[in-house]
Protein backbone atom coordinates (compact mmCIF):
# COMPACT_ATOMS: atom_id res chain seq x y z
CA MET A 1 27.74 184.07 69.01
CA THR A 2 25.25 181.23 69.41
CA LEU A 3 26.61 178.80 71.98
CA THR A 4 25.95 175.07 71.71
CA SER A 5 27.40 171.93 73.22
CA LYS A 6 29.63 171.71 70.13
CA ASN A 7 31.53 174.86 71.12
CA THR A 8 34.79 174.40 72.98
CA LEU A 9 35.15 175.15 76.67
CA GLN A 10 37.50 178.00 75.71
CA GLU A 11 34.79 179.51 73.50
CA TRP A 12 32.33 179.23 76.38
CA LEU A 13 34.74 180.87 78.80
CA ASP A 14 35.47 183.71 76.34
CA ASP A 15 31.80 184.44 75.73
CA ALA A 16 30.17 187.31 77.61
CA VAL A 17 27.13 185.17 78.47
CA GLY A 18 28.54 181.65 78.50
CA GLY A 19 31.65 182.53 80.51
CA PRO A 20 29.84 183.60 83.70
CA LEU A 21 27.47 180.63 83.40
CA LEU A 22 30.28 178.10 83.16
CA ARG A 23 32.35 179.77 85.87
CA GLY A 24 29.31 179.83 88.13
CA LEU A 25 28.77 176.13 87.59
CA LEU A 26 32.40 175.44 88.45
CA ALA A 27 32.14 177.59 91.57
CA GLN A 28 29.15 175.55 92.76
CA ALA A 29 31.39 172.50 92.56
CA GLY A 30 34.19 174.26 94.45
CA GLN A 31 36.32 174.64 91.32
CA SER A 32 37.75 177.51 89.29
CA GLU A 33 38.26 177.75 85.55
CA ASP A 34 41.85 176.62 86.11
CA ALA A 35 40.44 173.11 86.55
CA LEU A 36 39.50 173.18 82.87
CA ARG A 37 42.88 174.37 81.63
CA PRO A 38 44.06 170.97 80.26
CA ALA A 39 40.71 170.46 78.56
CA ARG A 40 39.87 173.87 77.12
CA GLN A 41 39.87 172.63 73.53
CA LEU A 42 37.25 169.99 74.32
CA THR A 43 33.65 170.70 73.48
CA LEU A 44 31.12 171.26 76.23
CA SER A 45 29.46 167.96 75.33
CA ALA A 46 32.74 166.13 76.02
CA LEU A 47 32.34 166.94 79.71
CA VAL A 48 29.50 164.41 79.84
CA GLU A 49 32.04 161.67 79.12
CA LEU A 50 34.89 163.23 81.06
CA GLY A 51 32.75 163.88 84.13
CA GLY A 52 31.90 160.23 84.68
CA GLY A 53 28.37 161.12 85.80
CA ALA A 54 29.23 164.36 87.58
CA PHE A 55 28.34 166.36 84.46
CA PRO A 56 25.18 164.77 83.00
CA GLN A 57 23.63 165.57 79.62
CA GLU A 58 20.77 167.37 81.38
CA LEU A 59 23.23 169.88 82.81
CA VAL A 60 24.69 170.52 79.34
CA ASP A 61 21.18 171.11 77.98
CA THR A 62 20.45 173.53 80.82
CA LEU A 63 23.62 175.52 80.18
CA VAL A 64 22.87 175.76 76.47
CA LYS A 65 19.36 176.99 77.22
CA GLN A 66 20.59 179.58 79.70
CA ALA A 67 23.17 180.87 77.23
CA ASN A 68 20.50 181.29 74.55
CA GLY A 69 17.68 183.02 76.37
CA GLY A 70 15.96 179.89 77.61
CA VAL A 71 15.68 178.11 74.28
CA ILE A 72 17.66 175.38 72.53
CA PRO A 73 19.06 176.90 69.31
CA PRO A 74 18.59 175.06 66.00
CA GLU A 75 22.38 174.64 65.76
CA GLU A 76 22.30 172.40 68.83
CA THR A 77 20.03 169.80 67.28
CA ALA A 78 21.33 170.03 63.71
CA GLN A 79 22.85 166.81 62.53
CA THR A 80 26.51 166.96 61.63
CA ALA A 81 27.53 165.41 58.33
CA LEU A 82 28.05 161.70 58.70
CA ASP A 83 31.14 160.01 57.35
CA ALA A 84 30.74 159.45 53.63
CA SER A 85 33.09 156.48 53.84
CA THR A 86 31.81 152.92 53.65
CA ARG A 87 35.11 151.39 54.73
CA PHE A 88 33.39 148.83 56.96
CA ALA A 89 30.44 147.94 54.73
CA GLY A 90 29.68 144.24 55.12
CA LYS A 91 32.26 143.80 57.87
CA THR A 92 31.85 142.55 61.43
CA VAL A 93 34.08 144.20 64.01
CA ILE A 94 34.39 143.30 67.70
CA VAL A 95 34.99 146.33 69.92
CA THR A 96 35.70 145.89 73.63
CA GLY A 97 35.14 148.67 76.14
CA ALA A 98 32.34 149.86 73.83
CA GLY A 99 30.17 151.20 76.62
CA SER A 100 32.08 154.46 76.98
CA GLY A 101 35.04 156.55 75.94
CA ILE A 102 37.31 155.43 73.11
CA GLY A 103 35.46 152.14 72.68
CA ARG A 104 32.10 153.79 72.20
CA ALA A 105 33.53 156.40 69.83
CA THR A 106 35.18 153.64 67.78
CA ALA A 107 31.99 151.58 67.65
CA ARG A 108 29.96 154.58 66.53
CA ARG A 109 32.40 155.41 63.75
CA ILE A 110 32.40 151.84 62.45
CA VAL A 111 28.60 151.85 62.36
CA ARG A 112 28.56 155.21 60.56
CA GLU A 113 30.88 153.70 57.96
CA GLY A 114 28.62 150.75 57.29
CA GLY A 115 29.95 148.11 59.67
CA LYS A 116 28.36 145.76 62.16
CA VAL A 117 29.77 146.05 65.67
CA ILE A 118 29.85 143.40 68.36
CA ALA A 119 29.90 145.88 71.23
CA VAL A 120 31.43 144.38 74.36
CA ASP A 121 31.50 145.77 77.87
CA VAL A 122 31.47 144.39 81.38
CA LEU A 123 28.46 146.60 82.16
CA PRO A 124 25.29 146.63 80.02
CA THR A 125 24.19 150.26 80.35
CA GLY A 126 26.48 151.88 77.81
CA ILE A 127 26.35 149.19 75.14
CA ASP A 128 22.56 148.84 75.43
CA ALA A 129 22.24 152.60 74.87
CA LEU A 130 24.64 152.35 71.92
CA ALA A 131 22.57 149.56 70.36
CA SER A 132 19.27 151.38 70.84
CA SER A 133 20.60 154.58 69.25
CA SER A 134 22.12 152.83 66.24
CA PRO A 135 20.48 151.51 63.06
CA GLU A 136 18.72 148.21 63.62
CA GLY A 137 21.08 145.25 63.48
CA SER A 138 24.24 147.34 63.32
CA VAL A 139 25.18 146.83 66.98
CA VAL A 140 25.04 143.60 68.92
CA ALA A 141 25.49 144.34 72.63
CA VAL A 142 27.39 141.67 74.57
CA THR A 143 27.77 142.06 78.30
CA ALA A 144 30.90 140.04 79.02
CA ASP A 145 34.02 139.94 81.14
CA ILE A 146 37.01 139.54 78.83
CA THR A 147 39.02 138.06 81.70
CA SER A 148 36.81 134.95 81.82
CA ALA A 149 36.58 132.01 79.44
CA GLU A 150 32.80 132.29 79.53
CA GLY A 151 32.98 135.94 78.53
CA ILE A 152 35.28 135.22 75.58
CA ALA A 153 33.01 132.41 74.40
CA SER A 154 29.93 134.63 74.51
CA ILE A 155 31.67 137.28 72.38
CA ILE A 156 32.73 134.77 69.73
CA ASN A 157 29.26 133.23 69.66
CA ALA A 158 27.69 136.65 69.16
CA ALA A 159 30.06 137.47 66.31
CA GLY A 160 29.35 134.28 64.38
CA GLU A 161 31.56 132.69 61.76
CA THR A 162 32.86 135.88 60.17
CA ILE A 163 35.06 138.20 62.19
CA ASP A 164 36.76 140.81 60.06
CA ALA A 165 38.40 142.89 62.75
CA LEU A 166 38.96 143.25 66.48
CA ALA A 167 39.59 146.38 68.52
CA ASN A 168 40.94 145.52 71.98
CA ILE A 169 40.12 148.78 73.78
CA ALA A 170 38.94 147.75 77.26
CA GLY A 171 41.43 148.65 79.97
CA ILE A 172 41.91 149.92 83.51
CA MET A 173 44.41 152.20 85.23
CA ASP A 174 46.43 151.56 88.39
CA GLY A 175 46.22 154.79 90.38
CA MET A 176 49.80 155.71 89.37
CA ILE A 177 51.06 153.34 92.09
CA PRO A 178 54.86 152.75 92.10
CA LEU A 179 56.42 149.29 92.35
CA HIS A 180 57.06 149.20 96.11
CA GLU A 181 53.42 150.17 96.83
CA THR A 182 51.85 147.80 94.30
CA GLU A 183 49.88 145.02 95.94
CA ASP A 184 49.46 141.59 94.38
CA LYS A 185 45.73 142.14 93.90
CA LEU A 186 46.24 145.36 91.93
CA TRP A 187 48.98 143.81 89.78
CA ARG A 188 46.86 140.80 88.90
CA ARG A 189 43.75 142.88 88.17
CA VAL A 190 45.55 145.32 85.86
CA PHE A 191 47.29 142.53 83.95
CA SER A 192 44.10 140.49 83.81
CA VAL A 193 42.16 143.21 81.99
CA ASN A 194 44.88 144.99 80.03
CA LEU A 195 46.90 142.00 78.89
CA ASP A 196 45.17 138.68 79.59
CA GLY A 197 41.83 139.83 78.15
CA THR A 198 43.54 141.20 75.04
CA PHE A 199 45.49 137.95 74.65
CA ALA A 200 42.47 135.69 75.14
CA LEU A 201 40.15 137.51 72.75
CA SER A 202 42.85 137.86 70.09
CA ARG A 203 43.56 134.14 70.32
CA ALA A 204 39.85 133.40 70.01
CA VAL A 205 39.31 135.43 66.81
CA LEU A 206 42.36 134.07 64.99
CA PRO A 207 40.84 130.79 63.75
CA ALA A 208 38.12 132.67 61.84
CA MET A 209 40.65 135.13 60.44
CA LEU A 210 43.04 132.35 59.42
CA ASP A 211 40.21 130.55 57.64
CA ALA A 212 39.32 133.76 55.79
CA GLY A 213 42.94 134.60 55.01
CA ARG A 214 42.49 138.16 56.22
CA GLY A 215 41.76 140.25 59.30
CA ALA A 216 42.85 143.23 61.35
CA ILE A 217 43.50 143.51 65.07
CA VAL A 218 44.16 146.80 66.84
CA ASN A 219 45.29 146.80 70.45
CA VAL A 220 45.14 149.92 72.57
CA ALA A 221 48.50 150.41 74.19
CA SER A 222 49.28 153.74 75.85
CA GLU A 223 51.88 156.45 76.21
CA ALA A 224 52.88 154.21 79.12
CA SER A 225 53.90 151.59 76.57
CA LEU A 226 56.46 154.02 75.15
CA ARG A 227 57.93 155.49 78.31
CA GLY A 228 58.25 154.99 82.04
CA ASN A 229 56.91 158.32 83.31
CA ALA A 230 53.27 158.19 82.21
CA ALA A 231 51.61 155.87 84.77
CA GLY A 232 52.16 153.46 87.64
CA THR A 233 54.22 150.29 87.45
CA ALA A 234 51.45 147.74 86.85
CA TYR A 235 49.80 149.76 84.10
CA THR A 236 53.12 150.60 82.45
CA ALA A 237 54.28 146.98 82.49
CA SER A 238 50.94 145.71 81.17
CA LYS A 239 50.97 148.13 78.25
CA HIS A 240 54.58 147.30 77.39
CA ALA A 241 53.43 143.69 77.28
CA VAL A 242 50.57 144.65 74.93
CA VAL A 243 53.17 146.06 72.55
CA GLY A 244 55.09 142.77 72.70
CA LEU A 245 51.91 140.84 71.98
CA THR A 246 51.18 143.17 69.06
CA LYS A 247 54.60 142.83 67.45
CA SER A 248 54.78 139.05 67.87
CA SER A 249 51.31 138.63 66.36
CA ALA A 250 52.12 140.98 63.49
CA PHE A 251 55.21 138.96 62.62
CA LEU A 252 53.64 135.53 62.95
CA TYR A 253 50.31 136.18 61.20
CA GLY A 254 51.23 138.85 58.65
CA PRO A 255 51.92 136.27 55.94
CA SER A 256 48.42 134.87 56.57
CA GLY A 257 46.81 138.20 55.72
CA ILE A 258 46.21 139.27 59.32
CA ARG A 259 47.54 142.64 60.40
CA THR A 260 48.09 143.49 64.08
CA ASN A 261 48.82 147.04 65.18
CA ALA A 262 48.52 149.15 68.31
CA VAL A 263 47.53 152.71 69.10
CA ALA A 264 49.17 154.59 71.96
CA PRO A 265 46.71 157.30 73.05
CA GLY A 266 47.70 160.50 74.78
CA PRO A 267 45.37 162.39 77.15
CA THR A 268 41.80 161.58 76.14
CA ALA A 269 38.44 162.49 77.61
CA THR A 270 37.05 159.16 78.82
CA ALA A 271 35.37 157.78 81.91
CA ILE A 272 38.42 155.67 82.83
CA GLU A 273 39.66 156.51 86.31
CA ALA A 274 43.10 158.14 86.27
CA THR A 275 43.67 159.14 89.87
CA MET A 276 47.03 159.76 91.50
CA SER A 277 46.90 157.52 94.57
CA SER A 278 50.54 157.70 95.64
CA GLU A 279 52.34 160.71 97.07
CA PHE A 280 55.65 159.05 96.25
CA ALA A 281 54.62 158.79 92.59
CA ARG A 282 53.14 162.28 92.58
CA SER A 283 56.43 163.87 93.62
CA ARG A 284 58.22 162.10 90.76
CA LEU A 285 55.56 162.34 88.04
CA ASP A 286 54.19 165.85 88.55
CA PRO A 287 56.95 167.65 86.60
CA PHE A 288 56.30 165.39 83.62
CA MET A 289 52.52 165.64 83.88
CA ALA A 290 52.90 169.41 83.54
CA LEU A 291 54.07 168.76 79.96
CA LEU A 292 50.90 166.90 78.94
CA PRO A 293 49.36 168.06 75.66
CA PRO A 294 45.70 169.14 75.77
CA VAL A 295 43.08 166.48 76.46
CA VAL A 296 41.24 165.50 73.28
CA GLU A 297 37.89 163.89 72.65
CA ALA A 298 37.59 160.15 72.15
CA ASP A 299 36.58 160.64 68.51
CA ARG A 300 40.20 161.51 67.68
CA MET A 301 41.37 158.16 69.02
CA ALA A 302 38.58 156.44 67.13
CA ALA A 303 39.89 157.99 63.90
CA SER A 304 43.33 156.44 64.48
CA ILE A 305 41.93 153.06 65.51
CA THR A 306 39.48 152.76 62.62
CA TRP A 307 42.21 153.71 60.14
CA LEU A 308 44.31 150.79 61.35
CA LEU A 309 41.29 148.48 61.32
CA SER A 310 40.39 149.44 57.75
CA ASP A 311 41.93 148.54 54.42
CA ASP A 312 43.23 152.12 54.21
CA SER A 313 46.19 150.85 56.23
CA THR A 314 46.61 147.67 54.24
CA ASN A 315 50.42 148.03 54.12
CA VAL A 316 50.75 148.72 57.86
CA ASN A 317 51.55 145.85 60.22
CA GLY A 318 53.24 145.72 63.61
CA ILE A 319 53.38 149.44 64.36
CA VAL A 320 52.59 151.31 67.56
CA LEU A 321 50.87 154.48 66.40
CA ALA A 322 51.32 157.30 68.89
CA SER A 323 48.07 159.27 68.69
CA ASP A 324 49.07 161.68 71.42
CA GLY A 325 49.25 165.26 70.19
CA GLY A 326 53.04 165.03 70.03
CA TRP A 327 53.57 163.93 73.63
CA SER A 328 55.87 161.09 72.59
CA VAL A 329 58.37 163.48 70.98
CA GLN A 330 58.90 165.44 74.18
């Protein structure tokens, strides 16, 4: 079998050539193949995102070459079929957290389907790369902090008068810290990004949507918005609040043609830090974490988010869509 970065980690491990190469790479990092167990259905290329810099694209290219006798196979560079849909043709969509992970995957899908993306991130590197790799004029990169009034203003200015949709994806974790170990600084920071930023940007886009008599807002909640055993206290509380914001907005603005929904992702390969910083929390959460479904690539979350942003979901308002591989039914 020809191995490429599009093959899953399980396919690499099962291959007579690719298996030893991947295991050898893991051994150099002091890891065994067991470290990949939750992510075996991800593609090799997904490790670039999941590794947060520890697994660069150059390393993927090297592995592919080594598995194919020192050459890059044609299958590696072949373009996959682009989405035939033009669901976002002529539409302007603001996407926060667009520099990496779910935000970047969502932005790319909107562009592929004909939309213009106002790509927002607190750091310029990812969104600048997104803009340079996209068709001219389809991505406007805005380096902005959604927790500041200045940042919100710069996003709205970049979008212009017409704002068809908003995807509030930017967020941070809390290290799985329980209530009695949560410091004021952590609490304020998590709520500032996860809730306050979502609130402020949603409020800012509403005048344009009300004038147009239509619009769609999708907030990224979390499994932690549906249960109490998926994260630390600050993160869990902030995502429960995002659900409240979503439902209130859906009720109040639905008659004005503006739909507001949320997506609750399960385990997803992103660069967001999800460390377990509390031994107290670890002892309580570990049995539940053992039940996690496999980690999926960010493109799967983008599919759920863009469906809710598009007119395909025109009769859907005020839901929290669990896009979690069935985790929420456990």
